Amino acid sequence: MKSIYEKALGADFSKLHPRIRERFGFSSSDRVKSVGRGTMERIRYAKLAALPLYAGTKRHIMFPQGGHDIPFTIENYAYVDGYGRETVTWIRSFKFPNAIRRFDATMIYSDSRGRIVDYLGTKQHLAVDLQISAAPNGGIRIRSGEQRFYEGLLQFRFPASLTGIADVCEWYDDRADCYRISVEVNNPLIGTVFEYEGSFQARLAETEQGEIPLDVKPLREELRE
């Protein structure tokens, strides 16, 4: 079975560095996980965005905290969710001196939208369209698009002025023998809202069928894409 990223990239998946293809090329049928550990050299946020970022901490959607040389882990598991969709977890934990902050997401490939949809947070209330491409350095570039909110009967699209457009690039540094990642979230009104960059080591490891830790799965699943 193809991974959701190979499905999104098509023939361009072959343009990725072999180590990036390894990290983004597995599916639930492979029964493997990728767990990475490293350091965020820099994390920064805009003071003007502190209030909405603080609200996001309760659902593990970003946070108003910055620093340098912050230990970090990332957990990627592929599984089939309750609606039968191939799903990949993105559980990022940042160990600050006074707190552990998490940024959780689960991604699916939406056949109806023809792209990957990223559900942010612990309850999949925020669905974001993703544009996936191969970067010139052999990395994978992920850029966010339209954002939608779902809760109960409530559903709406966020106007562009109220969203943060994320630009993510993950690549492999052959000289340093590590993965590198750069994330920048910008708002059209206030500029850069949140950003971080760092490096990490990650390896694939086998899992038993169904061995998906409960703390990496969302608390609820959203059918609407």
C-alpha atoms as a PDB file:
ATOM      1  CA  MET A   1       0.000   0.000   0.000  1.00  0.00           C
ATOM      2  CA  LYS A   2       1.286   3.494  -0.876  1.00  0.00           C
ATOM      3  CA  SER A   3       1.725   6.020   1.910  1.00  0.00           C
ATOM      4  CA  ILE A   4      -0.504   9.095   1.882  1.00  0.00           C
ATOM      5  CA  TYR A   5       2.539  11.205   0.934  1.00  0.00           C
ATOM      6  CA  GLU A   6       3.472   9.013  -2.018  1.00  0.00           C
ATOM      7  CA  LYS A   7      -0.142   9.223  -3.122  1.00  0.00           C
ATOM      8  CA  ALA A   8      -0.081  13.029  -2.854  1.00  0.00           C
ATOM      9  CA  LEU A   9       3.269  13.448  -4.630  1.00  0.00           C
ATOM     10  CA  GLY A  10       2.845  10.825  -7.334  1.00  0.00           C
ATOM     11  CA  ALA A  11       5.932  10.543  -9.543  1.00  0.00           C
ATOM     12  CA  ASP A  12       7.627  13.376  -7.621  1.00  0.00           C
ATOM     13  CA  PHE A  13       7.988  11.071  -4.611  1.00  0.00           C
ATOM     14  CA  SER A  14      11.097   9.643  -6.332  1.00  0.00           C
ATOM     15  CA  LYS A  15      12.721  13.115  -6.166  1.00  0.00           C
ATOM     16  CA  LEU A  16      12.939  12.921  -2.370  1.00  0.00           C
ATOM     17  CA  HIS A  17      16.166  11.990  -0.582  1.00  0.00           C
ATOM     18  CA  PRO A  18      16.192   8.240   0.266  1.00  0.00           C
ATOM     19  CA  ARG A  19      15.991   8.965   4.007  1.00  0.00           C
ATOM     20  CA  ILE A  20      13.022  11.286   3.439  1.00  0.00           C
ATOM     21  CA  ARG A  21      11.342   8.624   1.308  1.00  0.00           C
ATOM     22  CA  GLU A  22      11.883   6.218   4.212  1.00  0.00           C
ATOM     23  CA  ARG A  23      10.222   8.539   6.747  1.00  0.00           C
ATOM     24  CA  PHE A  24       7.307   9.451   4.493  1.00  0.00           C
ATOM     25  CA  GLY A  25       6.923   6.180   2.637  1.00  0.00           C
ATOM     26  CA  PHE A  26       5.314   3.791   5.123  1.00  0.00           C
ATOM     27  CA  SER A  27       1.652   2.956   5.594  1.00  0.00           C
ATOM     28  CA  SER A  28      -0.411   1.060   8.156  1.00  0.00           C
ATOM     29  CA  SER A  29       0.217  -2.217   6.289  1.00  0.00           C
ATOM     30  CA  ASP A  30       3.983  -1.923   6.962  1.00  0.00           C
ATOM     31  CA  ARG A  31       3.503  -2.119  10.755  1.00  0.00           C
ATOM     32  CA  VAL A  32       6.339   0.280  11.518  1.00  0.00           C
ATOM     33  CA  LYS A  33       6.698   3.573  13.353  1.00  0.00           C
ATOM     34  CA  SER A  34       9.134   6.454  13.134  1.00  0.00           C
ATOM     35  CA  VAL A  35      10.222   8.053  16.410  1.00  0.00           C
ATOM     36  CA  GLY A  36      12.671  10.940  16.274  1.00  0.00           C
ATOM     37  CA  ARG A  37      14.630  12.778  18.951  1.00  0.00           C
ATOM     38  CA  GLY A  38      16.597  15.944  18.620  1.00  0.00           C
ATOM     39  CA  THR A  39      16.830  19.622  19.464  1.00  0.00           C
ATOM     40  CA  MET A  40      15.041  22.723  18.325  1.00  0.00           C
ATOM     41  CA  GLU A  41      17.783  25.297  17.977  1.00  0.00           C
ATOM     42  CA  ARG A  42      15.237  28.101  17.970  1.00  0.00           C
ATOM     43  CA  ILE A  43      11.527  28.500  18.738  1.00  0.00           C
ATOM     44  CA  ARG A  44       9.929  31.922  18.425  1.00  0.00           C
ATOM     45  CA  TYR A  45       6.393  33.336  18.550  1.00  0.00           C
ATOM     46  CA  ALA A  46       4.789  36.739  18.023  1.00  0.00           C
ATOM     47  CA  LYS A  47       3.643  38.508  21.189  1.00  0.00           C
ATOM     48  CA  LEU A  48       0.577  39.794  19.329  1.00  0.00           C
ATOM     49  CA  ALA A  49      -0.528  36.200  18.794  1.00  0.00           C
ATOM     50  CA  ALA A  50       0.050  35.082  22.386  1.00  0.00           C
ATOM     51  CA  LEU A  51      -3.660  34.852  23.313  1.00  0.00           C
ATOM     52  CA  PRO A  52      -4.829  32.560  20.470  1.00  0.00           C
ATOM     53  CA  LEU A  53      -1.643  30.514  20.812  1.00  0.00           C
ATOM     54  CA  TYR A  54      -2.327  30.099  24.533  1.00  0.00           C
ATOM     55  CA  ALA A  55      -5.876  28.918  23.745  1.00  0.00           C
ATOM     56  CA  GLY A  56      -4.352  26.335  21.440  1.00  0.00           C
ATOM     57  CA  THR A  57      -2.220  24.775  24.187  1.00  0.00           C
ATOM     58  CA  LYS A  58      -5.270  23.023  25.685  1.00  0.00           C
ATOM     59  CA  ARG A  59      -5.808  21.101  22.451  1.00  0.00           C
ATOM     60  CA  HIS A  60      -2.128  20.750  21.582  1.00  0.00           C
ATOM     61  CA  ILE A  61      -2.163  23.276  18.728  1.00  0.00           C
ATOM     62  CA  MET A  62       0.998  25.400  19.022  1.00  0.00           C
ATOM     63  CA  PHE A  63       1.837  27.426  22.124  1.00  0.00           C
ATOM     64  CA  PRO A  64       3.095  30.890  23.212  1.00  0.00           C
ATOM     65  CA  GLN A  65       6.568  29.898  24.327  1.00  0.00           C
ATOM     66  CA  GLY A  66      10.002  30.261  22.797  1.00  0.00           C
ATOM     67  CA  GLY A  67      13.605  29.451  23.507  1.00  0.00           C
ATOM     68  CA  HIS A  68      16.821  27.938  22.252  1.00  0.00           C
ATOM     69  CA  ASP A  69      18.172  24.387  22.290  1.00  0.00           C
ATOM     70  CA  ILE A  70      14.865  22.815  23.335  1.00  0.00           C
ATOM     71  CA  PRO A  71      14.816  18.963  23.445  1.00  0.00           C
ATOM     72  CA  PHE A  72      12.192  17.611  21.110  1.00  0.00           C
ATOM     73  CA  THR A  73      10.585  14.318  20.031  1.00  0.00           C
ATOM     74  CA  ILE A  74       8.361  13.427  17.096  1.00  0.00           C
ATOM     75  CA  GLU A  75       6.196  10.305  16.796  1.00  0.00           C
ATOM     76  CA  ASN A  76       4.775   9.106  13.480  1.00  0.00           C
ATOM     77  CA  TYR A  77       2.455   6.094  13.411  1.00  0.00           C
ATOM     78  CA  ALA A  78       0.348   4.985  10.443  1.00  0.00           C
ATOM     79  CA  TYR A  79      -3.030   3.371  11.167  1.00  0.00           C
ATOM     80  CA  VAL A  80      -6.568   3.115   9.826  1.00  0.00           C
ATOM     81  CA  ASP A  81      -8.972   5.373  11.707  1.00  0.00           C
ATOM     82  CA  GLY A  82     -12.557   4.667  12.710  1.00  0.00           C
ATOM     83  CA  TYR A  83     -13.830   5.843   9.322  1.00  0.00           C
ATOM     84  CA  GLY A  84     -11.516   3.523   7.405  1.00  0.00           C
ATOM     85  CA  ARG A  85      -9.072   6.254   6.390  1.00  0.00           C
ATOM     86  CA  GLU A  86      -5.312   5.759   6.223  1.00  0.00           C
ATOM     87  CA  THR A  87      -3.986   8.098   8.921  1.00  0.00           C
ATOM     88  CA  VAL A  88      -0.543   9.281  10.034  1.00  0.00           C
ATOM     89  CA  THR A  89       0.158  10.837  13.441  1.00  0.00           C
ATOM     90  CA  TRP A  90       2.418  13.848  13.974  1.00  0.00           C
ATOM     91  CA  ILE A  91       2.987  14.148  17.722  1.00  0.00           C
ATOM     92  CA  ARG A  92       5.630  16.766  18.513  1.00  0.00           C
ATOM     93  CA  SER A  93       6.746  17.303  22.117  1.00  0.00           C
ATOM     94  CA  PHE A  94       8.958  20.200  23.193  1.00  0.00           C
ATOM     95  CA  LYS A  95      10.618  19.956  26.600  1.00  0.00           C
ATOM     96  CA  PHE A  96      10.988  23.494  27.947  1.00  0.00           C
ATOM     97  CA  PRO A  97      12.617  24.021  31.366  1.00  0.00           C
ATOM     98  CA  ASN A  98       9.219  24.682  32.980  1.00  0.00           C
ATOM     99  CA  ALA A  99       6.774  22.750  30.784  1.00  0.00           C
ATOM    100  CA  ILE A 100       6.318  20.125  28.100  1.00  0.00           C
ATOM    101  CA  ARG A 101       4.406  21.530  25.144  1.00  0.00           C
ATOM    102  CA  ARG A 102       2.789  19.380  22.471  1.00  0.00           C
ATOM    103  CA  PHE A 103       1.741  20.056  18.913  1.00  0.00           C
ATOM    104  CA  ASP A 104      -0.489  17.192  17.696  1.00  0.00           C
ATOM    105  CA  ALA A 105      -1.853  16.469  14.255  1.00  0.00           C
ATOM    106  CA  THR A 106      -3.251  13.572  12.250  1.00  0.00           C
ATOM    107  CA  MET A 107      -3.125  13.518   8.459  1.00  0.00           C
ATOM    108  CA  ILE A 108      -5.257  11.663   5.931  1.00  0.00           C
ATOM    109  CA  TYR A 109      -5.410  11.636   2.136  1.00  0.00           C
ATOM    110  CA  SER A 110      -8.801  12.944   1.008  1.00  0.00           C
ATOM    111  CA  ASP A 111      -9.931  11.432  -2.284  1.00  0.00           C
ATOM    112  CA  SER A 112     -12.763  13.946  -2.543  1.00  0.00           C
ATOM    113  CA  ARG A 113     -10.402  16.925  -2.123  1.00  0.00           C
ATOM    114  CA  GLY A 114      -7.515  15.311  -3.993  1.00  0.00           C
ATOM    115  CA  ARG A 115      -4.988  16.228  -1.328  1.00  0.00           C
ATOM    116  CA  ILE A 116      -3.823  15.567   2.211  1.00  0.00           C
ATOM    117  CA  VAL A 117      -5.970  17.018   4.976  1.00  0.00           C
ATOM    118  CA  ASP A 118      -4.296  17.783   8.294  1.00  0.00           C
ATOM    119  CA  TYR A 119      -6.442  17.641  11.451  1.00  0.00           C
ATOM    120  CA  LEU A 120      -4.839  19.769  14.151  1.00  0.00           C
ATOM    121  CA  GLY A 121      -5.116  19.184  17.872  1.00  0.00           C
ATOM    122  CA  THR A 122      -6.530  16.469  20.075  1.00  0.00           C
ATOM    123  CA  LYS A 123     -10.131  16.587  18.796  1.00  0.00           C
ATOM    124  CA  GLN A 124      -9.728  17.170  15.048  1.00  0.00           C
ATOM    125  CA  HIS A 125     -11.759  20.393  15.170  1.00  0.00           C
ATOM    126  CA  LEU A 126      -9.472  22.168  12.711  1.00  0.00           C
ATOM    127  CA  ALA A 127      -9.013  20.669   9.222  1.00  0.00           C
ATOM    128  CA  VAL A 128      -6.368  22.154   6.945  1.00  0.00           C
ATOM    129  CA  ASP A 129      -5.683  21.450   3.259  1.00  0.00           C
ATOM    130  CA  LEU A 130      -2.016  20.745   2.545  1.00  0.00           C
ATOM    131  CA  GLN A 131       0.038  21.320  -0.585  1.00  0.00           C
ATOM    132  CA  ILE A 132       2.864  18.781  -0.753  1.00  0.00           C
ATOM    133  CA  SER A 133       5.904  19.121  -3.029  1.00  0.00           C
ATOM    134  CA  ALA A 134       9.476  17.898  -3.399  1.00  0.00           C
ATOM    135  CA  ALA A 135      12.033  20.545  -2.405  1.00  0.00           C
ATOM    136  CA  PRO A 136      15.178  21.157  -4.503  1.00  0.00           C
ATOM    137  CA  ASN A 137      17.345  19.806  -1.644  1.00  0.00           C
ATOM    138  CA  GLY A 138      15.556  16.438  -1.700  1.00  0.00           C
ATOM    139  CA  GLY A 139      13.364  17.396   1.216  1.00  0.00           C
ATOM    140  CA  ILE A 140       9.599  17.490   1.428  1.00  0.00           C
ATOM    141  CA  ARG A 141       7.801  20.824   1.528  1.00  0.00           C
ATOM    142  CA  ILE A 142       4.377  21.178   3.112  1.00  0.00           C
ATOM    143  CA  ARG A 143       2.349  24.361   2.794  1.00  0.00           C
ATOM    144  CA  SER A 144      -1.044  24.873   4.411  1.00  0.00           C
ATOM    145  CA  GLY A 145      -4.099  26.139   2.544  1.00  0.00           C
ATOM    146  CA  GLU A 146      -7.776  26.494   3.373  1.00  0.00           C
ATOM    147  CA  GLN A 147      -8.716  25.943   7.009  1.00  0.00           C
ATOM    148  CA  ARG A 148     -12.089  24.710   8.269  1.00  0.00           C
ATOM    149  CA  PHE A 149     -13.572  24.416  11.758  1.00  0.00           C
ATOM    150  CA  TYR A 150     -15.894  21.566  12.751  1.00  0.00           C
ATOM    151  CA  GLU A 151     -17.626  21.028  16.092  1.00  0.00           C
ATOM    152  CA  GLY A 152     -21.065  19.459  16.438  1.00  0.00           C
ATOM    153  CA  LEU A 153     -23.419  21.175  13.990  1.00  0.00           C
ATOM    154  CA  LEU A 154     -21.055  24.123  13.687  1.00  0.00           C
ATOM    155  CA  GLN A 155     -18.830  24.318  10.624  1.00  0.00           C
ATOM    156  CA  PHE A 156     -17.216  27.208   8.779  1.00  0.00           C
ATOM    157  CA  ARG A 157     -14.188  28.240   6.760  1.00  0.00           C
ATOM    158  CA  PHE A 158     -11.720  30.634   8.315  1.00  0.00           C
ATOM    159  CA  PRO A 159     -11.154  33.885   6.381  1.00  0.00           C
ATOM    160  CA  ALA A 160      -7.547  34.238   5.194  1.00  0.00           C
ATOM    161  CA  SER A 161      -6.932  37.217   7.509  1.00  0.00           C
ATOM    162  CA  LEU A 162      -7.576  35.034  10.574  1.00  0.00           C
ATOM    163  CA  THR A 163      -5.432  32.082   9.589  1.00  0.00           C
ATOM    164  CA  GLY A 164      -1.791  31.222   9.909  1.00  0.00           C
ATOM    165  CA  ILE A 165      -0.227  29.887   6.717  1.00  0.00           C
ATOM    166  CA  ALA A 166       2.353  27.248   7.614  1.00  0.00           C
ATOM    167  CA  ASP A 167       5.407  26.591   5.459  1.00  0.00           C
ATOM    168  CA  VAL A 168       7.273  23.435   6.494  1.00  0.00           C
ATOM    169  CA  CYS A 169      10.378  21.871   5.029  1.00  0.00           C
ATOM    170  CA  GLU A 170      11.958  18.652   6.256  1.00  0.00           C
ATOM    171  CA  TRP A 171      15.146  17.410   4.620  1.00  0.00           C
ATOM    172  CA  TYR A 172      18.133  15.176   5.268  1.00  0.00           C
ATOM    173  CA  ASP A 173      21.569  16.671   5.910  1.00  0.00           C
ATOM    174  CA  ASP A 174      24.109  14.139   4.625  1.00  0.00           C
ATOM    175  CA  ARG A 175      27.086  15.989   6.101  1.00  0.00           C
ATOM    176  CA  ALA A 176      25.642  16.085   9.616  1.00  0.00           C
ATOM    177  CA  ASP A 177      23.864  12.719   9.179  1.00  0.00           C
ATOM    178  CA  CYS A 178      20.573  14.007  10.597  1.00  0.00           C
ATOM    179  CA  TYR A 179      17.133  15.225   9.634  1.00  0.00           C
ATOM    180  CA  ARG A 180      16.501  18.952   9.665  1.00  0.00           C
ATOM    181  CA  ILE A 181      13.196  20.757   9.874  1.00  0.00           C
ATOM    182  CA  SER A 182      12.108  24.344   9.458  1.00  0.00           C
ATOM    183  CA  VAL A 183       8.593  25.592  10.233  1.00  0.00           C
ATOM    184  CA  GLU A 184       7.244  29.116   9.766  1.00  0.00           C
ATOM    185  CA  VAL A 185       3.627  30.188  10.316  1.00  0.00           C
ATOM    186  CA  ASN A 186       2.645  33.570   8.896  1.00  0.00           C
ATOM    187  CA  ASN A 187      -0.485  35.696   9.106  1.00  0.00           C
ATOM    188  CA  PRO A 188      -1.222  38.306   6.401  1.00  0.00           C
ATOM    189  CA  LEU A 189      -1.864  40.992   9.032  1.00  0.00           C
ATOM    190  CA  ILE A 190       0.860  40.499  11.655  1.00  0.00           C
ATOM    191  CA  GLY A 191       3.529  38.556   9.810  1.00  0.00           C
ATOM    192  CA  THR A 192       5.334  35.647  11.455  1.00  0.00           C
ATOM    193  CA  VAL A 193       3.186  34.109  14.197  1.00  0.00           C
ATOM    194  CA  PHE A 194       5.226  31.067  15.142  1.00  0.00           C
ATOM    195  CA  GLU A 195       8.413  29.411  13.908  1.00  0.00           C
ATOM    196  CA  TYR A 196      10.991  26.833  14.831  1.00  0.00           C
ATOM    197  CA  GLU A 197      13.960  25.066  13.326  1.00  0.00           C
ATOM    198  CA  GLY A 198      16.044  22.158  14.501  1.00  0.00           C
ATOM    199  CA  SER A 199      17.531  18.760  13.809  1.00  0.00           C
ATOM    200  CA  PHE A 200      16.830  15.207  14.902  1.00  0.00           C
ATOM    201  CA  GLN A 201      17.642  11.530  14.447  1.00  0.00           C
ATOM    202  CA  ALA A 202      14.877   9.107  13.494  1.00  0.00           C
ATOM    203  CA  ARG A 203      14.701   5.432  12.656  1.00  0.00           C
ATOM    204  CA  LEU A 204      11.907   3.076  11.669  1.00  0.00           C
ATOM    205  CA  ALA A 205      11.012   0.336  14.142  1.00  0.00           C
ATOM    206  CA  GLU A 206       8.575  -2.541  13.855  1.00  0.00           C
ATOM    207  CA  THR A 207       5.264  -2.472  15.697  1.00  0.00           C
ATOM    208  CA  GLU A 208       2.828  -5.225  16.431  1.00  0.00           C
ATOM    209  CA  GLN A 209      -0.470  -5.046  14.566  1.00  0.00           C
ATOM    210  CA  GLY A 210      -2.682  -2.506  16.278  1.00  0.00           C
ATOM    211  CA  GLU A 211       0.098  -1.218  18.536  1.00  0.00           C
ATOM    212  CA  ILE A 212      -0.811   2.455  18.373  1.00  0.00           C
ATOM    213  CA  PRO A 213      -0.411   4.187  21.762  1.00  0.00           C
ATOM    214  CA  LEU A 214      -3.611   5.857  22.925  1.00  0.00           C
ATOM    215  CA  ASP A 215      -1.785   9.103  23.707  1.00  0.00           C
ATOM    216  CA  VAL A 216      -0.876   9.642  20.041  1.00  0.00           C
ATOM    217  CA  LYS A 217      -4.427   9.186  18.770  1.00  0.00           C
ATOM    218  CA  PRO A 218      -6.976  12.027  18.781  1.00  0.00           C
ATOM    219  CA  LEU A 219      -9.645  12.034  21.475  1.00  0.00           C
ATOM    220  CA  ARG A 220     -12.322  12.217  18.773  1.00  0.00           C
ATOM    221  CA  GLU A 221     -12.341  11.686  15.020  1.00  0.00           C
ATOM    222  CA  GLU A 222     -13.984  14.022  12.531  1.00  0.00           C
ATOM    223  CA  LEU A 223     -15.637  12.599   9.403  1.00  0.00           C
ATOM    224  CA  ARG A 224     -15.921  15.938   7.635  1.00  0.00           C
ATOM    225  CA  GLU A 225     -12.873  16.780   5.585  1.00  0.00           C
END
